[in-house]
Amino acid sequence: MSDILAENLSGKSVMGTDGTELGLLYNITMDLKSGKLNDLVIEPDEEISRRAVDFDLDDAGHFLVPVNRVQAVKDYIVVQR
């Protein structure tokens, strides 16, 4: 995957490999000591049921998608479901 600036990802739509629109990228978490990216924090789409998604939720109800599940970054960020 080519390098992409994080500022270009903010607000980008996130879609599952099954075609489900999950929501918009809200933030990305990382380990400050190692610099390793941990999770994509996704603001859920209003129409998606949080129970239908197998990702963890943070206290604000955002989906936490492990970075290793990112399949592609183009018009959408595509994550493995």
Protein backbone atom coordinates (compact mmCIF):
# COMPACT_ATOMS: atom_id res chain seq x y z
CA MET A 1 0.00 0.00 0.00
CA SER A 2 1.38 3.44 -0.86
CA ASP A 3 1.92 6.13 1.77
CA ILE A 4 -1.13 8.25 2.63
CA LEU A 5 -1.18 11.28 4.90
CA ALA A 6 -3.53 10.90 7.87
CA GLU A 7 -5.00 14.34 7.21
CA ASN A 8 -6.29 13.00 3.87
CA LEU A 9 -8.17 10.20 5.64
CA SER A 10 -10.20 12.26 8.10
CA GLY A 11 -13.91 12.06 7.27
CA LYS A 12 -13.37 9.38 4.60
CA SER A 13 -16.17 6.82 4.24
CA VAL A 14 -15.51 3.33 5.56
CA MET A 15 -17.02 0.25 3.90
CA GLY A 16 -16.90 -3.43 4.77
CA THR A 17 -15.68 -5.99 2.26
CA ASP A 18 -19.32 -7.11 2.03
CA GLY A 19 -20.33 -3.66 0.69
CA THR A 20 -21.88 -2.39 3.94
CA GLU A 21 -21.23 1.31 4.55
CA LEU A 22 -20.04 1.45 8.14
CA GLY A 23 -19.64 5.21 8.58
CA LEU A 24 -16.96 7.90 8.48
CA LEU A 25 -13.42 7.76 9.82
CA TYR A 26 -13.38 9.80 13.03
CA ASN A 27 -9.85 9.14 14.26
CA ILE A 28 -6.97 6.65 14.38
CA THR A 29 -5.46 5.36 17.63
CA MET A 30 -1.80 4.50 18.05
CA ASP A 31 0.70 3.29 20.63
CA LEU A 32 2.77 6.36 21.53
CA LYS A 33 5.83 4.33 22.53
CA SER A 34 6.12 2.21 19.39
CA GLY A 35 4.29 4.44 16.90
CA LYS A 36 2.22 1.43 15.81
CA LEU A 37 -1.31 2.20 14.61
CA ASN A 38 -3.97 0.32 16.58
CA ASP A 39 -7.55 1.07 15.51
CA LEU A 40 -9.62 3.11 13.13
CA VAL A 41 -12.29 4.94 15.11
CA ILE A 42 -15.42 5.10 12.97
CA GLU A 43 -18.47 7.29 13.46
CA PRO A 44 -21.24 4.80 12.61
CA ASP A 45 -23.67 5.44 9.77
CA GLU A 46 -27.10 6.29 11.19
CA GLU A 47 -28.76 3.47 9.28
CA ILE A 48 -26.47 0.65 10.46
CA SER A 49 -27.38 -1.40 13.49
CA ARG A 50 -24.51 -1.50 15.97
CA ARG A 51 -25.55 -5.06 16.83
CA ALA A 52 -25.03 -6.15 13.21
CA VAL A 53 -21.35 -5.18 13.33
CA ASP A 54 -18.76 -7.36 15.07
CA PHE A 55 -16.36 -4.55 15.99
CA ASP A 56 -15.77 -3.30 19.51
CA LEU A 57 -17.31 0.03 20.51
CA ASP A 58 -15.72 2.86 22.47
CA ASP A 59 -17.53 4.84 25.18
CA ALA A 60 -18.95 7.24 22.59
CA GLY A 61 -20.39 4.41 20.45
CA HIS A 62 -17.75 4.56 17.71
CA PHE A 63 -16.64 1.34 16.03
CA LEU A 64 -13.03 0.34 16.78
CA VAL A 65 -11.65 -1.43 13.71
CA PRO A 66 -8.16 -2.96 14.06
CA VAL A 67 -5.79 -1.45 11.49
CA ASN A 68 -4.78 -4.94 10.31
CA ARG A 69 -8.31 -5.34 8.88
CA VAL A 70 -7.84 -2.49 6.37
CA GLN A 71 -7.92 -3.98 2.87
CA ALA A 72 -7.76 -0.87 0.67
CA VAL A 73 -7.77 2.92 0.79
CA LYS A 74 -9.14 4.61 -2.31
CA ASP A 75 -12.51 6.38 -2.57
CA TYR A 76 -13.46 4.39 0.54
CA ILE A 77 -11.46 2.78 3.30
CA VAL A 78 -12.35 -0.89 2.87
CA VAL A 79 -12.14 -3.11 5.95
CA GLN A 80 -12.49 -6.85 6.31
CA ARG A 81 -15.80 -7.90 7.91
